[in-house]
Structures are given as structure tokens and as C-alpha cells.
Amino acid sequence: MEVNFTRRHFLHFAAGAGAIISPLPVSRLLLGQVPPGVQVPTSLPEPVTPYTRRSTVALVKGEDRRKNIIEALTAIDDQIKPLLKRKKYAIIKPNNVSTTNQLAATHADAIRGILDYLAPRFKGPVVIAESSAGDTMEGFKNFKYDQVAAEYKSRNVSLVDLNTEGKYEVIPLLSADLHVEPVRLAARLLDPDALIICAAILKTHNVCVATLSMKNMTLGAPLHSPRGVTPRWNDKRKYHGGIRQTHYNMMLTAQKMAPFWGVTVIDGYEGMEGNGPSSGTPVPSRVAIASTDYIAADRVGVECMGINPLWMAGLQYCWQVGIGQYDIGKIDIRGEQIANVRREYRLHKDIERQLQWMGPLTDIPVKLG
């Protein structure tokens, strides 16, 4: 579909390219997906709580998924080791938005790579924990996580369905009507004794443009009722009240969870483009990204996907309130250069609607996803 992207918009975008610090390819694809009348931002918004520290992100490219994960984590070993000393056990939080489509879910070899990294460095037990939108344990079986747990039996690896475990803490969100409503977050993901390891994926998304570390954690924490329990309830749906509320509510959730986050590793061996997060097609990016700063890792991930980082509302909100570093000029990258691995991912068919968060507020918020 052709969109009337005016010369004025193009010049406005181009004039601010330097403010983004890391210039992106200005292709017809990207320009053509900006909704008419939407003013394209050219620089990061003003922070409320400035994040002044520099962050480090490892970026690895290779032809072996498991090896990529190990090498990315090893590249920031100096930053992970101090965290390991303070923790009693580790939690690996995969992305199982689908329990049947492997492309949409964290691969077993990515989890093996994490366990291989931990083996000589950490002797505590490891829990693979998820709150899938579907049947969590069914997903674990389909993606062979049970086989992984058996392989690492000596390391005391276990599988936990956070929905069935049913332990939670409550935080307030904004509803579609801009009222306060409660949401139940998995208590295990707020455990100060646990090293929280996010095992994310490079994927496009039907609401948030792309889903990486922050999205995996904040939408993986809300619970829903276990199978067979009545009345049925699903707190994940509370994040889909409107396109602005989704981003803001993710930020509120990240504020609660970020003090407990340890390290994230994003598996981009085979990313997803198009109609993510569940129905897209594969992209052989062959990369892995790791950091103790989830927001910085996601900034590098977005760059690797060829997506304008200023389109990512939730990540910018997190940066504005001091959760992590989103300014690429203040991120030190170890390993590959972004320019050498960048691929332009085809975005979701609803991208024009997703980007309406940048435009004027309407009476009825856009509901996506």
C-alpha cells in the first residue's frame, strides 16, 4: 500500500539522523511505513531520570547457535561473575509466546548455550521458568526443554510453569479507559536470590514493532489461570488496552522487575520478520547479543534488525525513567560491528497502526495484538 510520506517528513528525518548517532538505512520500506501526518522523531526524548552510565553489549556472529550464545556471554564474563557470586540459583526465562511454533520460541540449543556458560562458573540449581500464553508445559515438551533438563541432570535443572506455580505480586497498570487496574506478576521473577537470565529472540511484533529482552520479561511475567481452573482469567490481556497503554504498562512493569534482572542473551541465529511474534518467517541473522543491561541489548538488537530505534516506544520510555541505556553513543560493543551484521527485517503488516503512538492522541486508543 502506498503511503503519502511527504518531502517535508523526509527532510525532517534526514536532518536529525546525526542525533540518532548510529545512522540507519533510509529505505523506501522504512519511509513508506510511517502513517500520514505522523511527525517522525529525530532524536531520543528528554529523560526524566537520566541513565548516565555507559553499558556494554556483546555482539557475536557465527554459524553455530549454541556456540554463539556461549561466546556472547563469555565476552561479558567480567560483568556477569559479580552477579553470580550473590545468587543462590539461576532462572532462565525463555520466550514461549507460542507453544507449537519453534521459530517463535527460544530454541533448546540457546538454553544449552546458557547452561554451558554457567557450568564452570555457577554451582547452584537452574530453573527454566515461563508463563506462556498457552500451556507452558506443553511448550516445554514440544521444544524439547525436558530433554535439556535431563541432559543437565547433574546441574539440578528443573522446569516451572509460572501459571501453575501461581505465586504473584500485584502492581497497578493503566486500563484502556485510563483507570488503575491490578496485574499479577510471577513472584519468582522478582526473587532477589535468583540470577534472572532472559533468553530472548530477534522478532518483529504486532504491537511493539519488535520484541526482544524487555518485552520478553514484561509480558512473560503476568500470569493467567492454569488449565481447568474456573473462573478463567488472563492478566496478559490487560497489556492490550490501547497502543499507548501497552508501551506505558510495559515500562511500569519493567520498573518493578528491572532491579531483579541479571543478564540477557538474545538469540538471533534465526530471527523472525513479518507477522511476528508468532506467524512470521525466518531471517538467518546468525548473531547473538548479550548484556547485563537489557535496554542496551535491545537497542543493539533493533539496530541489527534495521529498525529505526526511535519507533520503539517502550524501550524509550524505559530509558527515560533510568532503567537502562538506549543511547547507542553510550553503549560499548564487544565483538562484531553492527554494520557488519545488520539486516533489514520486513515488519508486521500492522506497522502503520503501531506507529500511531507517535501521532496525536485519539479518543479511542488503537488496540493491537
Protein backbone atom coordinates (compact mmCIF):
# COMPACT_ATOMS: atom_id res chain seq x y z
CA MET A 1 0.00 0.00 0.00
CA GLU A 2 1.36 3.44 -0.90
CA VAL A 3 1.58 5.99 1.90
CA ASN A 4 1.85 9.72 1.37
CA PHE A 5 5.20 10.30 3.05
CA THR A 6 5.93 13.91 2.20
CA ARG A 7 9.23 15.55 1.26
CA ARG A 8 8.92 17.63 4.43
CA HIS A 9 8.81 14.42 6.53
CA PHE A 10 11.82 13.03 4.72
CA LEU A 11 13.86 16.20 5.29
CA HIS A 12 12.82 16.26 8.94
CA PHE A 13 14.02 12.69 9.33
CA ALA A 14 17.26 13.25 7.45
CA ALA A 15 18.13 16.43 9.33
CA GLY A 16 18.04 14.56 12.62
CA ALA A 17 19.93 11.48 11.51
CA GLY A 18 23.01 12.62 13.41
CA ALA A 19 21.01 12.77 16.62
CA ILE A 20 20.35 9.04 16.38
CA ILE A 21 24.14 8.59 16.47
CA SER A 22 24.13 5.31 14.55
CA PRO A 23 22.61 6.07 11.10
CA LEU A 24 20.19 3.54 9.69
CA PRO A 25 19.50 2.70 6.06
CA VAL A 26 16.77 5.13 4.90
CA SER A 27 14.97 2.80 2.55
CA ARG A 28 11.66 3.11 0.80
CA LEU A 29 10.43 0.28 3.04
CA LEU A 30 11.00 2.23 6.23
CA LEU A 31 9.81 5.56 4.87
CA GLY A 32 6.73 4.01 3.31
CA GLN A 33 5.51 2.59 6.63
CA VAL A 34 5.16 5.87 8.53
CA PRO A 35 1.46 6.82 8.86
CA PRO A 36 0.38 10.01 7.07
CA GLY A 37 0.51 13.08 9.29
CA VAL A 38 2.77 11.47 11.90
CA GLN A 39 5.75 13.62 12.82
CA VAL A 40 8.80 11.36 12.68
CA PRO A 41 11.10 11.90 15.71
CA THR A 42 14.74 12.61 15.01
CA SER A 43 16.30 12.17 18.43
CA LEU A 44 15.71 10.47 21.75
CA PRO A 45 13.14 12.14 24.04
CA GLU A 46 14.15 14.04 27.15
CA PRO A 47 14.87 11.67 30.06
CA VAL A 48 13.05 12.03 33.37
CA THR A 49 15.68 10.10 35.31
CA PRO A 50 18.85 10.24 33.20
CA TYR A 51 20.75 6.98 32.78
CA THR A 52 24.31 8.30 32.87
CA ARG A 53 26.34 5.08 32.96
CA ARG A 54 27.87 3.51 29.89
CA SER A 55 26.71 -0.03 29.11
CA THR A 56 28.47 -2.94 27.47
CA VAL A 57 26.89 -5.26 24.91
CA ALA A 58 28.45 -8.33 23.29
CA LEU A 59 27.64 -8.97 19.63
CA VAL A 60 28.70 -12.30 18.12
CA LYS A 61 28.20 -13.70 14.63
CA GLY A 62 28.70 -17.37 13.76
CA GLU A 63 27.26 -20.49 12.19
CA ASP A 64 26.56 -22.38 15.44
CA ARG A 65 23.66 -21.17 17.60
CA ARG A 66 24.88 -22.77 20.81
CA LYS A 67 28.44 -21.54 20.33
CA ASN A 68 27.20 -18.02 19.57
CA ILE A 69 25.34 -17.92 22.90
CA ILE A 70 28.39 -19.14 24.83
CA GLU A 71 30.71 -16.66 23.15
CA ALA A 72 28.35 -13.72 23.69
CA LEU A 73 28.07 -14.46 27.42
CA THR A 74 31.79 -15.12 27.74
CA ALA A 75 32.53 -11.74 26.13
CA ILE A 76 30.89 -10.02 29.13
CA ASP A 77 32.10 -12.55 31.70
CA ASP A 78 33.67 -9.78 33.79
CA GLN A 79 30.23 -8.25 34.29
CA ILE A 80 28.33 -11.47 34.97
CA LYS A 81 30.72 -13.02 37.52
CA PRO A 82 30.00 -10.46 40.27
CA LEU A 83 26.28 -11.20 39.90
CA LEU A 84 26.80 -14.95 40.15
CA LYS A 85 28.58 -14.59 43.50
CA ARG A 86 25.49 -13.04 45.08
CA LYS A 87 22.86 -15.51 43.85
CA LYS A 88 21.62 -18.85 45.19
CA TYR A 89 20.08 -20.14 41.95
CA ALA A 90 19.50 -19.11 38.36
CA ILE A 91 16.30 -18.66 36.37
CA ILE A 92 16.31 -18.91 32.58
CA LYS A 93 13.25 -17.09 31.21
CA PRO A 94 12.63 -18.21 27.59
CA ASN A 95 10.24 -16.66 25.11
CA ASN A 96 7.43 -19.16 24.52
CA VAL A 97 4.75 -16.88 23.10
CA SER A 98 3.81 -19.92 21.02
CA THR A 99 3.89 -23.46 22.37
CA THR A 100 3.95 -25.07 18.91
CA ASN A 101 5.96 -22.87 16.53
CA GLN A 102 9.69 -23.31 17.12
CA LEU A 103 10.61 -20.17 15.16
CA ALA A 104 8.57 -18.11 17.63
CA ALA A 105 10.12 -19.71 20.72
CA THR A 106 13.51 -19.90 22.40
CA HIS A 107 15.47 -22.79 20.91
CA ALA A 108 16.74 -25.60 23.14
CA ASP A 109 20.28 -25.01 21.84
CA ALA A 110 20.13 -21.43 23.11
CA ILE A 111 19.31 -22.77 26.56
CA ARG A 112 22.13 -25.32 26.22
CA GLY A 113 24.49 -22.46 25.41
CA ILE A 114 23.46 -20.64 28.60
CA LEU A 115 23.90 -23.79 30.68
CA ASP A 116 27.29 -24.45 29.08
CA TYR A 117 28.39 -20.95 30.06
CA LEU A 118 27.13 -21.39 33.64
CA ALA A 119 28.62 -24.87 34.16
CA PRO A 120 32.18 -23.91 35.19
CA ARG A 121 31.10 -20.69 36.92
CA PHE A 122 27.97 -21.40 38.94
CA LYS A 123 27.10 -24.46 41.03
CA GLY A 124 23.60 -23.53 42.12
CA PRO A 125 20.40 -25.06 40.69
CA VAL A 126 18.85 -23.70 37.49
CA VAL A 127 15.14 -23.22 36.84
CA ILE A 128 13.71 -22.81 33.33
CA ALA A 129 10.56 -20.81 34.05
CA GLU A 130 7.87 -19.41 31.78
CA SER A 131 4.30 -18.13 31.82
CA SER A 132 3.27 -18.95 28.27
CA ALA A 133 0.06 -17.60 26.81
CA GLY A 134 -0.86 -21.26 26.20
CA ASP A 135 0.04 -24.44 28.08
CA THR A 136 3.57 -23.81 29.34
CA MET A 137 4.49 -27.45 29.95
CA GLU A 138 3.20 -28.45 26.52
CA GLY A 139 5.56 -25.87 25.03
CA PHE A 140 8.47 -27.17 27.11
CA LYS A 141 7.84 -30.65 25.74
CA ASN A 142 7.37 -29.54 22.12
CA PHE A 143 10.61 -27.54 22.20
CA LYS A 144 12.50 -30.35 23.99
CA TYR A 145 13.29 -28.43 27.16
CA ASP A 146 12.56 -31.62 29.09
CA GLN A 147 15.41 -33.27 27.19
CA VAL A 148 17.69 -30.37 28.08
CA ALA A 149 16.83 -30.76 31.78
CA ALA A 150 17.62 -34.48 31.55
CA GLU A 151 20.95 -33.80 29.82
CA TYR A 152 21.98 -31.43 32.62
CA LYS A 153 20.55 -33.53 35.44
CA SER A 154 23.75 -33.23 37.46
CA ARG A 155 23.28 -29.45 37.41
CA ASN A 156 19.83 -29.74 39.02
CA VAL A 157 17.90 -28.17 36.13
CA SER A 158 14.12 -28.04 36.58
CA LEU A 159 11.11 -26.78 34.61
CA VAL A 160 8.50 -24.49 36.16
CA ASP A 161 5.17 -23.29 34.79
CA LEU A 162 4.72 -19.92 36.50
CA ASN A 163 0.96 -20.02 35.89
CA THR A 164 0.60 -23.30 37.76
CA GLU A 165 3.00 -22.18 40.49
CA GLY A 166 0.57 -19.33 41.00
CA LYS A 167 2.70 -17.12 43.28
CA TYR A 168 2.48 -13.45 42.40
CA GLU A 169 2.91 -9.81 43.34
CA VAL A 170 0.43 -7.15 42.27
CA ILE A 171 1.27 -3.86 40.55
CA PRO A 172 -1.03 -1.19 39.04
CA LEU A 173 -1.45 -0.64 35.30
CA LEU A 174 -3.44 1.80 33.18
CA SER A 175 -6.59 0.33 31.68
CA ALA A 176 -7.95 1.17 28.22
CA ASP A 177 -10.12 3.78 29.97
CA LEU A 178 -7.08 5.22 31.78
CA HIS A 179 -8.22 3.79 35.09
CA VAL A 180 -5.97 1.94 37.51
CA GLU A 181 -6.22 -1.83 37.27
CA PRO A 182 -4.16 -4.53 39.01
CA VAL A 183 -1.98 -7.12 37.29
CA ARG A 184 -0.45 -10.24 38.85
CA LEU A 185 3.28 -10.75 38.13
CA ALA A 186 5.09 -14.04 38.76
CA ALA A 187 6.77 -13.73 42.14
CA ARG A 188 9.65 -15.98 41.09
CA LEU A 189 10.78 -13.36 38.58
CA LEU A 190 11.06 -10.90 41.48
CA ASP A 191 13.23 -13.14 43.67
CA PRO A 192 16.40 -11.38 44.90
CA ASP A 193 18.09 -14.77 45.40
CA ALA A 194 17.81 -15.64 41.70
CA LEU A 195 20.05 -14.67 38.81
CA ILE A 196 17.43 -13.82 36.19
CA ILE A 197 18.64 -14.75 32.70
CA CYS A 198 16.46 -13.60 29.84
CA ALA A 199 16.65 -15.89 26.78
CA ALA A 200 15.09 -13.67 24.11
CA ILE A 201 14.82 -13.78 20.31
CA LEU A 202 15.08 -11.25 17.48
CA LYS A 203 11.46 -10.96 16.31
CA THR A 204 9.12 -8.42 14.79
CA HIS A 205 5.90 -7.80 16.70
CA ASN A 206 2.24 -7.00 16.11
CA VAL A 207 2.10 -4.20 18.71
CA CYS A 208 5.62 -3.13 19.70
CA VAL A 209 7.38 -3.19 16.28
CA ALA A 210 9.94 -5.68 17.65
CA THR A 211 10.16 -7.95 20.69
CA LEU A 212 13.46 -8.62 22.42
CA SER A 213 14.59 -8.70 26.08
CA MET A 214 12.39 -6.13 27.78
CA LYS A 215 9.24 -7.31 26.03
CA ASN A 216 10.02 -10.96 26.80
CA MET A 217 10.34 -10.20 30.51
CA THR A 218 7.47 -7.78 30.98
CA LEU A 219 4.88 -9.82 29.08
CA GLY A 220 6.24 -13.12 30.35
CA ALA A 221 5.67 -12.13 33.97
CA PRO A 222 1.86 -11.55 34.00
CA LEU A 223 0.01 -14.74 34.86
CA HIS A 224 -3.18 -16.42 33.70
CA SER A 225 -5.31 -19.10 35.30
CA PRO A 226 -3.99 -22.66 34.96
CA ARG A 227 -5.79 -25.12 32.69
CA GLY A 228 -9.05 -26.38 34.18
CA VAL A 229 -9.36 -23.59 36.75
CA THR A 230 -12.53 -21.52 36.79
CA PRO A 231 -13.29 -18.72 36.54
CA ARG A 232 -10.81 -18.16 33.73
CA TRP A 233 -8.63 -15.04 33.89
CA ASN A 234 -5.65 -13.74 31.93
CA ASP A 235 -3.68 -10.74 33.13
CA LYS A 236 -1.60 -10.68 29.94
CA ARG A 237 -4.63 -9.31 28.11
CA LYS A 238 -4.54 -6.23 30.35
CA TYR A 239 -1.50 -5.04 28.39
CA HIS A 240 -3.54 -4.74 25.20
CA GLY A 241 -5.83 -1.90 26.23
CA GLY A 242 -4.51 0.53 23.64
CA ILE A 243 -1.31 1.20 21.77
CA ARG A 244 -0.06 3.86 24.18
CA GLN A 245 -1.13 1.92 27.26
CA THR A 246 0.75 -1.17 26.08
CA HIS A 247 4.06 0.69 25.94
CA TYR A 248 3.47 2.59 29.17
CA ASN A 249 2.36 -0.51 31.03
CA MET A 250 5.46 -2.38 29.88
CA MET A 251 7.53 0.45 31.31
CA LEU A 252 5.65 0.29 34.63
CA THR A 253 6.26 -3.46 34.73
CA ALA A 254 9.94 -3.03 33.85
CA GLN A 255 10.32 -0.54 36.71
CA LYS A 256 9.13 -3.27 39.09
CA MET A 257 11.20 -6.06 37.54
CA ALA A 258 14.47 -4.40 36.49
CA PRO A 259 16.08 -4.44 39.97
CA PHE A 260 15.99 -8.24 39.75
CA TRP A 261 17.27 -8.60 36.16
CA GLY A 262 20.67 -10.23 35.78
CA VAL A 263 21.78 -10.84 32.21
CA THR A 264 20.04 -11.13 28.88
CA VAL A 265 21.10 -13.05 25.81
CA ILE A 266 19.22 -12.52 22.54
CA ASP A 267 19.36 -15.40 20.08
CA GLY A 268 19.37 -14.02 16.56
CA TYR A 269 20.69 -17.14 14.88
CA GLU A 270 17.34 -17.34 13.10
CA GLY A 271 15.21 -14.29 13.68
CA MET A 272 11.60 -13.69 12.69
CA GLU A 273 10.37 -10.99 10.31
CA GLY A 274 6.92 -10.11 9.01
CA ASN A 275 3.94 -11.02 11.14
CA GLY A 276 5.71 -11.71 14.41
CA PRO A 277 5.75 -12.61 17.20
CA SER A 278 4.17 -15.95 16.22
CA SER A 279 3.44 -16.08 12.49
CA GLY A 280 6.43 -14.52 10.75
CA THR A 281 9.11 -16.02 8.55
CA PRO A 282 12.78 -16.81 9.28
CA VAL A 283 15.75 -14.48 8.83
CA PRO A 284 19.24 -16.08 9.02
CA SER A 285 20.88 -13.29 11.02
CA ARG A 286 23.29 -15.74 12.71
CA VAL A 287 24.01 -13.46 15.69
CA ALA A 288 23.81 -13.49 19.47
CA ILE A 289 23.66 -10.43 21.75
CA ALA A 290 24.37 -10.38 25.49
CA SER A 291 24.41 -7.71 28.19
CA THR A 292 23.64 -7.08 31.85
CA ASP A 293 21.69 -4.04 30.60
CA TYR A 294 18.50 -5.31 28.96
CA ILE A 295 17.67 -1.94 27.36
CA ALA A 296 21.14 -1.57 25.82
CA ALA A 297 20.96 -5.12 24.47
CA ASP A 298 17.62 -4.34 22.86
CA ARG A 299 18.98 -1.14 21.30
CA VAL A 300 21.72 -3.19 19.64
CA GLY A 301 19.14 -5.79 18.61
CA VAL A 302 16.89 -3.20 16.99
CA GLU A 303 19.87 -1.84 15.08
CA CYS A 304 20.75 -5.34 13.88
CA MET A 305 17.19 -5.67 12.54
CA GLY A 306 17.45 -2.42 10.57
CA ILE A 307 14.60 -0.86 12.54
CA ASN A 308 14.52 2.82 13.42
CA PRO A 309 15.22 2.78 17.18
CA LEU A 310 13.04 5.87 17.63
CA TRP A 311 10.00 3.78 16.70
CA MET A 312 10.39 1.67 19.86
CA ALA A 313 8.20 3.48 22.38
CA GLY A 314 8.51 1.03 25.27
CA LEU A 315 12.31 0.95 25.14
CA GLN A 316 12.50 4.75 25.00
CA TYR A 317 10.14 5.01 27.98
CA CYS A 318 12.38 2.63 29.95
CA TRP A 319 15.40 4.76 29.06
CA GLN A 320 13.57 7.92 30.08
CA VAL A 321 12.95 6.58 33.60
CA GLY A 322 16.50 5.32 34.04
CA ILE A 323 16.04 1.56 33.65
CA GLY A 324 18.83 1.15 31.09
CA GLN A 325 20.94 2.77 28.38
CA TYR A 326 19.30 3.40 25.00
CA ASP A 327 21.74 5.98 23.64
CA ILE A 328 23.91 3.99 21.21
CA GLY A 329 26.70 6.52 21.71
CA LYS A 330 26.97 5.36 25.33
CA ILE A 331 27.00 1.63 24.57
CA ASP A 332 30.33 -0.15 24.22
CA ILE A 333 30.06 -3.09 21.84
CA ARG A 334 32.38 -6.06 22.17
CA GLY A 335 32.77 -8.25 19.11
CA GLU A 336 31.18 -7.63 15.73
CA GLN A 337 30.29 -4.20 14.42
CA ILE A 338 26.57 -3.60 13.92
CA ALA A 339 27.13 -2.51 10.33
CA ASN A 340 28.59 -5.94 9.52
CA VAL A 341 25.54 -7.89 10.70
CA ARG A 342 22.61 -5.54 10.07
CA ARG A 343 19.73 -6.96 8.03
CA GLU A 344 16.57 -5.04 7.24
CA TYR A 345 13.71 -7.08 8.69
CA ARG A 346 10.34 -6.90 6.98
CA LEU A 347 7.91 -5.51 9.56
CA HIS A 348 4.42 -6.59 10.60
CA LYS A 349 1.53 -5.79 8.25
CA ASP A 350 0.06 -3.59 11.02
CA ILE A 351 3.17 -1.42 11.31
CA GLU A 352 1.37 1.76 10.24
CA ARG A 353 -1.16 1.32 13.05
CA GLN A 354 1.61 0.51 15.52
CA LEU A 355 3.39 3.76 14.74
CA GLN A 356 0.33 5.83 15.54
CA TRP A 357 1.65 6.16 19.09
CA MET A 358 3.90 8.91 17.65
CA GLY A 359 0.92 10.90 16.36
CA PRO A 360 -1.90 12.81 18.07
CA LEU A 361 -3.94 11.13 20.78
CA THR A 362 -7.37 9.95 19.64
CA ASP A 363 -10.42 9.40 21.82
CA ILE A 364 -10.41 5.63 21.28
CA PRO A 365 -6.94 4.07 21.53
CA VAL A 366 -5.73 1.73 18.84
CA LYS A 367 -5.95 -1.86 20.07
CA LEU A 368 -3.47 -4.26 18.53
CA GLY A 369 -2.36 -7.81 19.22
